[in-house]
Amino acid sequence: MKRIRTMVLAGATAVAAIAALALVPGQFAASADHLDPPSRTDPAIDSVPDIAADIADVFAFSDATNAYFVITFAGPSASAKSAFYDRDVLYTLNISTATPASSPEISIQSRFGPGTSAGQFGISVAGLPGVNGALVGPVEQILSKDGVRVYAGLRDDPFFFDLVGFRETRSTGAIRFDKNRDFFNGQNDTSLVFEIPKSRLGGATGKINVWATTARFGGQI
């Protein structure tokens, strides 16, 4: 599960969670990123990793009118690989607009399914605030309904991190990070992107908490 501490619905501030963050003093939220939990998603530990259910990152930002949310998963993967559209995984974007922060007022659920022709995929998104019924359509296209827009498809991994420097720092005790070395450069994630009017998320100046989960038939991950 990936959780973002708080997002203020004003300005264009971007936030992303990569570790457990405090929700309130003395309490912490469970969180995960690439290859967490290792026993289910790390190929070094599991010979058949659940790649499609592996959350990479959650991003959130806003402008004067809309809030934007991104869930990336199934990555990083080589640019030659296709996206992961697994019909047996449920992707949920949870948004809490009131206390308690751990209880979502909005839960947006996305699932992939077969498209209209062989080899094609589609997506169904339910729970979008202010949208009548589910938004359904093909992947790799911007879909819109009742003032909300959704995109699902393969994108360049937006996260920047020097994994080599991290490992060298951890093993030597000396800082070895290089700002010009990006482990994720040229690699892809499958992504879900949501554009939602801020007026549907508790007001233009309200604070919200955001997190994402994946669930597979047969067990929660």
C-alpha atoms as a PDB file:
ATOM      1  CA  MET A   1       0.000   0.000   0.000  1.00  0.00           C
ATOM      2  CA  LYS A   2       1.211   3.500  -0.786  1.00  0.00           C
ATOM      3  CA  ARG A   3       0.112   6.455   1.313  1.00  0.00           C
ATOM      4  CA  ILE A   4       0.527  10.213   0.991  1.00  0.00           C
ATOM      5  CA  ARG A   5       0.451  12.205   4.225  1.00  0.00           C
ATOM      6  CA  THR A   6      -1.516  15.304   3.283  1.00  0.00           C
ATOM      7  CA  MET A   7      -2.286  17.303   0.202  1.00  0.00           C
ATOM      8  CA  VAL A   8      -3.450  20.927   0.374  1.00  0.00           C
ATOM      9  CA  LEU A   9      -5.841  21.739  -2.462  1.00  0.00           C
ATOM     10  CA  ALA A  10      -4.257  25.051  -3.368  1.00  0.00           C
ATOM     11  CA  GLY A  11      -1.330  25.805  -5.651  1.00  0.00           C
ATOM     12  CA  ALA A  12       0.663  23.298  -7.678  1.00  0.00           C
ATOM     13  CA  THR A  13       2.449  21.323  -4.993  1.00  0.00           C
ATOM     14  CA  ALA A  14       3.422  17.740  -5.812  1.00  0.00           C
ATOM     15  CA  VAL A  15       3.894  15.104  -3.131  1.00  0.00           C
ATOM     16  CA  ALA A  16       4.841  11.432  -3.270  1.00  0.00           C
ATOM     17  CA  ALA A  17       5.195   8.818  -0.558  1.00  0.00           C
ATOM     18  CA  ILE A  18       8.137   6.436  -0.535  1.00  0.00           C
ATOM     19  CA  ALA A  19       8.139   5.378   3.117  1.00  0.00           C
ATOM     20  CA  ALA A  20       5.965   5.224   6.208  1.00  0.00           C
ATOM     21  CA  LEU A  21       4.854   8.735   7.143  1.00  0.00           C
ATOM     22  CA  ALA A  22       3.206  10.009  10.321  1.00  0.00           C
ATOM     23  CA  LEU A  23      -0.512  10.695  10.038  1.00  0.00           C
ATOM     24  CA  VAL A  24      -0.791  12.026  13.571  1.00  0.00           C
ATOM     25  CA  PRO A  25       1.779  12.132  16.394  1.00  0.00           C
ATOM     26  CA  GLY A  26       2.535   8.618  17.578  1.00  0.00           C
ATOM     27  CA  GLN A  27       0.849   6.914  14.604  1.00  0.00           C
ATOM     28  CA  PHE A  28       2.314   5.728  11.311  1.00  0.00           C
ATOM     29  CA  ALA A  29       0.783   4.561   8.068  1.00  0.00           C
ATOM     30  CA  ALA A  30       1.820   1.327   6.424  1.00  0.00           C
ATOM     31  CA  SER A  31       3.339   1.982   3.035  1.00  0.00           C
ATOM     32  CA  ALA A  32       5.198   0.343   0.188  1.00  0.00           C
ATOM     33  CA  ASP A  33       6.948   1.063  -3.054  1.00  0.00           C
ATOM     34  CA  HIS A  34       8.695  -1.004  -5.745  1.00  0.00           C
ATOM     35  CA  LEU A  35       8.993  -4.711  -4.801  1.00  0.00           C
ATOM     36  CA  ASP A  36       7.060  -4.426  -1.520  1.00  0.00           C
ATOM     37  CA  PRO A  37       6.100  -6.781   0.012  1.00  0.00           C
ATOM     38  CA  PRO A  38       9.206  -8.665  -1.192  1.00  0.00           C
ATOM     39  CA  SER A  39       7.675 -12.081  -0.582  1.00  0.00           C
ATOM     40  CA  ARG A  40       4.994 -11.308  -3.176  1.00  0.00           C
ATOM     41  CA  THR A  41       6.636  -8.953  -5.664  1.00  0.00           C
ATOM     42  CA  ASP A  42      10.434  -9.267  -5.578  1.00  0.00           C
ATOM     43  CA  PRO A  43      11.774 -11.726  -8.214  1.00  0.00           C
ATOM     44  CA  ALA A  44      14.852 -12.270  -6.045  1.00  0.00           C
ATOM     45  CA  ILE A  45      12.592 -13.809  -3.387  1.00  0.00           C
ATOM     46  CA  ASP A  46       9.527 -15.021  -5.291  1.00  0.00           C
ATOM     47  CA  SER A  47      10.174 -16.883  -8.543  1.00  0.00           C
ATOM     48  CA  VAL A  48       6.704 -15.852  -9.790  1.00  0.00           C
ATOM     49  CA  PRO A  49       6.345 -12.248  -8.594  1.00  0.00           C
ATOM     50  CA  ASP A  50       2.959 -10.519  -8.686  1.00  0.00           C
ATOM     51  CA  ILE A  51       4.165  -7.721 -10.938  1.00  0.00           C
ATOM     52  CA  ALA A  52       0.758  -6.300 -11.865  1.00  0.00           C
ATOM     53  CA  ALA A  53      -0.159  -5.759  -8.201  1.00  0.00           C
ATOM     54  CA  ASP A  54       3.150  -4.124  -7.245  1.00  0.00           C
ATOM     55  CA  ILE A  55       2.559  -0.426  -6.522  1.00  0.00           C
ATOM     56  CA  ALA A  56       5.490   1.779  -7.493  1.00  0.00           C
ATOM     57  CA  ASP A  57       4.484   5.297  -6.421  1.00  0.00           C
ATOM     58  CA  VAL A  58       1.530   7.593  -5.759  1.00  0.00           C
ATOM     59  CA  PHE A  59       1.664  11.208  -6.878  1.00  0.00           C
ATOM     60  CA  ALA A  60      -0.769  14.069  -6.224  1.00  0.00           C
ATOM     61  CA  PHE A  61      -0.759  17.715  -7.237  1.00  0.00           C
ATOM     62  CA  SER A  62      -3.222  20.454  -8.100  1.00  0.00           C
ATOM     63  CA  ASP A  63      -3.740  23.655 -10.022  1.00  0.00           C
ATOM     64  CA  ALA A  64      -6.340  26.374  -9.602  1.00  0.00           C
ATOM     65  CA  THR A  65      -9.185  24.148 -10.791  1.00  0.00           C
ATOM     66  CA  ASN A  66      -8.311  20.464 -10.667  1.00  0.00           C
ATOM     67  CA  ALA A  67      -6.560  17.871  -8.544  1.00  0.00           C
ATOM     68  CA  TYR A  68      -4.426  15.240 -10.258  1.00  0.00           C
ATOM     69  CA  PHE A  69      -3.618  11.781  -8.920  1.00  0.00           C
ATOM     70  CA  VAL A  70      -1.277   9.163 -10.373  1.00  0.00           C
ATOM     71  CA  ILE A  71      -0.806   5.529  -9.359  1.00  0.00           C
ATOM     72  CA  THR A  72       2.159   3.802 -10.980  1.00  0.00           C
ATOM     73  CA  PHE A  73       2.653   0.050 -10.771  1.00  0.00           C
ATOM     74  CA  ALA A  74       4.345  -2.954 -12.402  1.00  0.00           C
ATOM     75  CA  GLY A  75       7.693  -1.282 -12.720  1.00  0.00           C
ATOM     76  CA  PRO A  76      10.294  -0.275 -13.342  1.00  0.00           C
ATOM     77  CA  SER A  77      10.325  -2.344 -16.511  1.00  0.00           C
ATOM     78  CA  ALA A  78      12.422  -2.184 -19.643  1.00  0.00           C
ATOM     79  CA  SER A  79      11.116   0.115 -22.350  1.00  0.00           C
ATOM     80  CA  ALA A  80      10.614  -2.860 -24.685  1.00  0.00           C
ATOM     81  CA  LYS A  81       8.049  -4.445 -22.362  1.00  0.00           C
ATOM     82  CA  SER A  82       4.335  -3.788 -22.734  1.00  0.00           C
ATOM     83  CA  ALA A  83       2.010  -2.514 -20.041  1.00  0.00           C
ATOM     84  CA  PHE A  84       0.479  -4.851 -17.442  1.00  0.00           C
ATOM     85  CA  TYR A  85      -3.318  -5.043 -17.701  1.00  0.00           C
ATOM     86  CA  ASP A  86      -4.402  -7.753 -15.274  1.00  0.00           C
ATOM     87  CA  ARG A  87      -8.171  -8.208 -15.035  1.00  0.00           C
ATOM     88  CA  ASP A  88      -7.816  -9.982 -11.658  1.00  0.00           C
ATOM     89  CA  VAL A  89      -6.290  -6.988  -9.837  1.00  0.00           C
ATOM     90  CA  LEU A  90      -8.377  -4.183  -8.314  1.00  0.00           C
ATOM     91  CA  TYR A  91      -6.643  -0.801  -8.027  1.00  0.00           C
ATOM     92  CA  THR A  92      -8.150   1.577  -5.470  1.00  0.00           C
ATOM     93  CA  LEU A  93      -7.333   5.246  -5.011  1.00  0.00           C
ATOM     94  CA  ASN A  94      -8.507   6.300  -1.545  1.00  0.00           C
ATOM     95  CA  ILE A  95      -9.090   9.953  -0.655  1.00  0.00           C
ATOM     96  CA  SER A  96      -9.887  11.111   2.870  1.00  0.00           C
ATOM     97  CA  THR A  97     -11.379  14.602   3.013  1.00  0.00           C
ATOM     98  CA  ALA A  98     -12.331  14.577   6.722  1.00  0.00           C
ATOM     99  CA  THR A  99     -11.176  13.065  10.005  1.00  0.00           C
ATOM    100  CA  PRO A 100     -10.126  10.403  10.632  1.00  0.00           C
ATOM    101  CA  ALA A 101      -7.464  10.620   7.945  1.00  0.00           C
ATOM    102  CA  SER A 102      -7.376   6.837   7.573  1.00  0.00           C
ATOM    103  CA  SER A 103     -11.050   6.579   6.563  1.00  0.00           C
ATOM    104  CA  PRO A 104     -11.689   7.434   2.887  1.00  0.00           C
ATOM    105  CA  GLU A 105     -14.731   9.448   1.860  1.00  0.00           C
ATOM    106  CA  ILE A 106     -13.868   8.691  -1.769  1.00  0.00           C
ATOM    107  CA  SER A 107     -12.682   5.309  -3.087  1.00  0.00           C
ATOM    108  CA  ILE A 108     -12.030   5.145  -6.803  1.00  0.00           C
ATOM    109  CA  GLN A 109     -11.789   1.565  -8.065  1.00  0.00           C
ATOM    110  CA  SER A 110     -10.209   0.638 -11.386  1.00  0.00           C
ATOM    111  CA  ARG A 111     -10.176  -2.720 -13.163  1.00  0.00           C
ATOM    112  CA  PHE A 112      -8.947  -3.866 -16.526  1.00  0.00           C
ATOM    113  CA  GLY A 113     -10.844  -6.196 -18.809  1.00  0.00           C
ATOM    114  CA  PRO A 114     -10.923  -7.448 -22.385  1.00  0.00           C
ATOM    115  CA  GLY A 115     -11.451  -4.809 -25.024  1.00  0.00           C
ATOM    116  CA  THR A 116     -13.686  -4.893 -28.054  1.00  0.00           C
ATOM    117  CA  SER A 117     -11.255  -6.847 -30.206  1.00  0.00           C
ATOM    118  CA  ALA A 118      -8.670  -9.584 -29.759  1.00  0.00           C
ATOM    119  CA  GLY A 119      -5.487  -8.453 -28.029  1.00  0.00           C
ATOM    120  CA  GLN A 120      -7.024  -5.207 -26.823  1.00  0.00           C
ATOM    121  CA  PHE A 121      -7.760  -4.070 -23.265  1.00  0.00           C
ATOM    122  CA  GLY A 122     -10.236  -1.780 -21.626  1.00  0.00           C
ATOM    123  CA  ILE A 123     -10.662  -0.184 -18.220  1.00  0.00           C
ATOM    124  CA  SER A 124     -13.638   0.436 -15.944  1.00  0.00           C
ATOM    125  CA  VAL A 125     -13.363   3.107 -13.234  1.00  0.00           C
ATOM    126  CA  ALA A 126     -16.051   3.351 -10.547  1.00  0.00           C
ATOM    127  CA  GLY A 127     -16.489   5.741  -7.630  1.00  0.00           C
ATOM    128  CA  LEU A 128     -15.333   8.906  -9.394  1.00  0.00           C
ATOM    129  CA  PRO A 129     -16.866  11.828  -7.477  1.00  0.00           C
ATOM    130  CA  GLY A 130     -19.654  13.529  -9.387  1.00  0.00           C
ATOM    131  CA  VAL A 131     -19.649  10.929 -12.165  1.00  0.00           C
ATOM    132  CA  ASN A 132     -22.830   9.044 -12.944  1.00  0.00           C
ATOM    133  CA  GLY A 133     -21.928   5.363 -13.109  1.00  0.00           C
ATOM    134  CA  ALA A 134     -18.604   3.911 -14.175  1.00  0.00           C
ATOM    135  CA  LEU A 135     -16.277   5.433 -16.724  1.00  0.00           C
ATOM    136  CA  VAL A 136     -15.467   2.735 -19.276  1.00  0.00           C
ATOM    137  CA  GLY A 137     -13.205   2.831 -22.302  1.00  0.00           C
ATOM    138  CA  PRO A 138      -9.954   1.713 -23.933  1.00  0.00           C
ATOM    139  CA  VAL A 139      -6.489   2.062 -22.424  1.00  0.00           C
ATOM    140  CA  GLU A 140      -3.815   4.411 -23.812  1.00  0.00           C
ATOM    141  CA  GLN A 141      -6.455   7.088 -24.365  1.00  0.00           C
ATOM    142  CA  ILE A 142      -7.709  10.002 -22.283  1.00  0.00           C
ATOM    143  CA  LEU A 143     -11.258   9.156 -21.214  1.00  0.00           C
ATOM    144  CA  SER A 144     -13.712  11.760 -19.935  1.00  0.00           C
ATOM    145  CA  LYS A 145     -17.110  11.763 -18.304  1.00  0.00           C
ATOM    146  CA  ASP A 146     -19.068  14.336 -16.267  1.00  0.00           C
ATOM    147  CA  GLY A 147     -16.077  16.666 -15.911  1.00  0.00           C
ATOM    148  CA  VAL A 148     -13.524  14.010 -14.877  1.00  0.00           C
ATOM    149  CA  ARG A 149     -10.701  12.644 -17.021  1.00  0.00           C
ATOM    150  CA  VAL A 150      -8.841   9.321 -16.663  1.00  0.00           C
ATOM    151  CA  TYR A 151      -5.869   7.787 -18.447  1.00  0.00           C
ATOM    152  CA  ALA A 152      -4.468   4.263 -18.158  1.00  0.00           C
ATOM    153  CA  GLY A 153      -1.358   3.133 -19.970  1.00  0.00           C
ATOM    154  CA  LEU A 154       2.387   2.738 -20.169  1.00  0.00           C
ATOM    155  CA  ARG A 155       4.452   5.784 -19.234  1.00  0.00           C
ATOM    156  CA  ASP A 156       8.030   6.662 -18.409  1.00  0.00           C
ATOM    157  CA  ASP A 157       8.723   6.144 -14.689  1.00  0.00           C
ATOM    158  CA  PRO A 158       8.618   9.676 -13.210  1.00  0.00           C
ATOM    159  CA  PHE A 159      10.506   8.800 -10.033  1.00  0.00           C
ATOM    160  CA  PHE A 160      14.148   9.905  -9.759  1.00  0.00           C
ATOM    161  CA  PHE A 161      16.502   7.923  -7.530  1.00  0.00           C
ATOM    162  CA  ASP A 162      20.174   6.951  -7.461  1.00  0.00           C
ATOM    163  CA  LEU A 163      19.893   3.306  -6.425  1.00  0.00           C
ATOM    164  CA  VAL A 164      23.616   2.693  -6.928  1.00  0.00           C
ATOM    165  CA  GLY A 165      24.448   5.586  -4.643  1.00  0.00           C
ATOM    166  CA  PHE A 166      21.951   4.378  -2.069  1.00  0.00           C
ATOM    167  CA  ARG A 167      23.480   0.911  -1.971  1.00  0.00           C
ATOM    168  CA  GLU A 168      27.019   2.283  -1.804  1.00  0.00           C
ATOM    169  CA  THR A 169      26.025   4.688   0.977  1.00  0.00           C
ATOM    170  CA  ARG A 170      24.426   1.902   2.952  1.00  0.00           C
ATOM    171  CA  SER A 171      27.395  -0.435   2.587  1.00  0.00           C
ATOM    172  CA  THR A 172      30.191   2.110   3.193  1.00  0.00           C
ATOM    173  CA  GLY A 173      28.574   4.605   5.572  1.00  0.00           C
ATOM    174  CA  ALA A 174      29.737   7.451   3.307  1.00  0.00           C
ATOM    175  CA  ILE A 175      27.369   9.525   1.193  1.00  0.00           C
ATOM    176  CA  ARG A 176      27.706   8.312  -2.408  1.00  0.00           C
ATOM    177  CA  PHE A 177      24.649   9.819  -4.093  1.00  0.00           C
ATOM    178  CA  ASP A 178      25.088  11.308  -7.562  1.00  0.00           C
ATOM    179  CA  LYS A 179      22.423  13.800  -8.653  1.00  0.00           C
ATOM    180  CA  ASN A 180      23.077  12.933 -12.312  1.00  0.00           C
ATOM    181  CA  ARG A 181      22.556   9.169 -11.873  1.00  0.00           C
ATOM    182  CA  ASP A 182      18.945   8.009 -12.164  1.00  0.00           C
ATOM    183  CA  PHE A 183      18.233   4.301 -11.813  1.00  0.00           C
ATOM    184  CA  PHE A 184      14.728   4.764 -13.267  1.00  0.00           C
ATOM    185  CA  ASN A 185      15.838   6.602 -16.398  1.00  0.00           C
ATOM    186  CA  GLY A 186      14.502   4.924 -19.551  1.00  0.00           C
ATOM    187  CA  GLN A 187      12.259   2.531 -17.648  1.00  0.00           C
ATOM    188  CA  ASN A 188       8.478   2.371 -17.620  1.00  0.00           C
ATOM    189  CA  ASP A 189       5.542   1.865 -15.289  1.00  0.00           C
ATOM    190  CA  THR A 190       1.933   1.131 -16.036  1.00  0.00           C
ATOM    191  CA  SER A 191       0.018   4.177 -14.809  1.00  0.00           C
ATOM    192  CA  LEU A 192      -3.436   5.305 -13.764  1.00  0.00           C
ATOM    193  CA  VAL A 193      -3.987   9.070 -13.971  1.00  0.00           C
ATOM    194  CA  PHE A 194      -7.038  10.923 -12.634  1.00  0.00           C
ATOM    195  CA  GLU A 195      -8.040  14.566 -13.182  1.00  0.00           C
ATOM    196  CA  ILE A 196     -10.830  15.618 -10.790  1.00  0.00           C
ATOM    197  CA  PRO A 197     -12.284  19.096 -10.099  1.00  0.00           C
ATOM    198  CA  LYS A 198     -11.143  20.279  -6.672  1.00  0.00           C
ATOM    199  CA  SER A 199     -14.687  21.327  -5.852  1.00  0.00           C
ATOM    200  CA  ARG A 200     -15.579  17.627  -5.573  1.00  0.00           C
ATOM    201  CA  LEU A 201     -12.864  16.954  -2.980  1.00  0.00           C
ATOM    202  CA  GLY A 202     -13.971  18.969   0.016  1.00  0.00           C
ATOM    203  CA  GLY A 203     -13.425  22.521  -1.223  1.00  0.00           C
ATOM    204  CA  ALA A 204     -10.648  24.524  -2.820  1.00  0.00           C
ATOM    205  CA  THR A 205      -8.625  25.035   0.380  1.00  0.00           C
ATOM    206  CA  GLY A 206      -9.310  21.761   2.181  1.00  0.00           C
ATOM    207  CA  LYS A 207      -6.652  19.214   3.151  1.00  0.00           C
ATOM    208  CA  ILE A 208      -6.925  15.638   1.975  1.00  0.00           C
ATOM    209  CA  ASN A 209      -5.049  12.390   2.589  1.00  0.00           C
ATOM    210  CA  VAL A 210      -4.400  10.022  -0.296  1.00  0.00           C
ATOM    211  CA  TRP A 211      -3.303   6.399  -0.557  1.00  0.00           C
ATOM    212  CA  ALA A 212      -3.613   3.522  -2.991  1.00  0.00           C
ATOM    213  CA  THR A 213      -4.088  -0.215  -2.603  1.00  0.00           C
ATOM    214  CA  THR A 214      -4.123  -3.228  -4.868  1.00  0.00           C
ATOM    215  CA  ALA A 215      -6.114  -6.388  -4.260  1.00  0.00           C
ATOM    216  CA  ARG A 216      -6.034  -9.658  -6.144  1.00  0.00           C
ATOM    217  CA  PHE A 217      -8.676 -12.351  -6.177  1.00  0.00           C
ATOM    218  CA  GLY A 218      -7.494 -14.822  -3.570  1.00  0.00           C
ATOM    219  CA  GLY A 219      -5.767 -12.338  -1.276  1.00  0.00           C
ATOM    220  CA  GLN A 220      -4.898  -8.727  -0.436  1.00  0.00           C
ATOM    221  CA  ILE A 221      -1.464  -7.339  -1.291  1.00  0.00           C
END
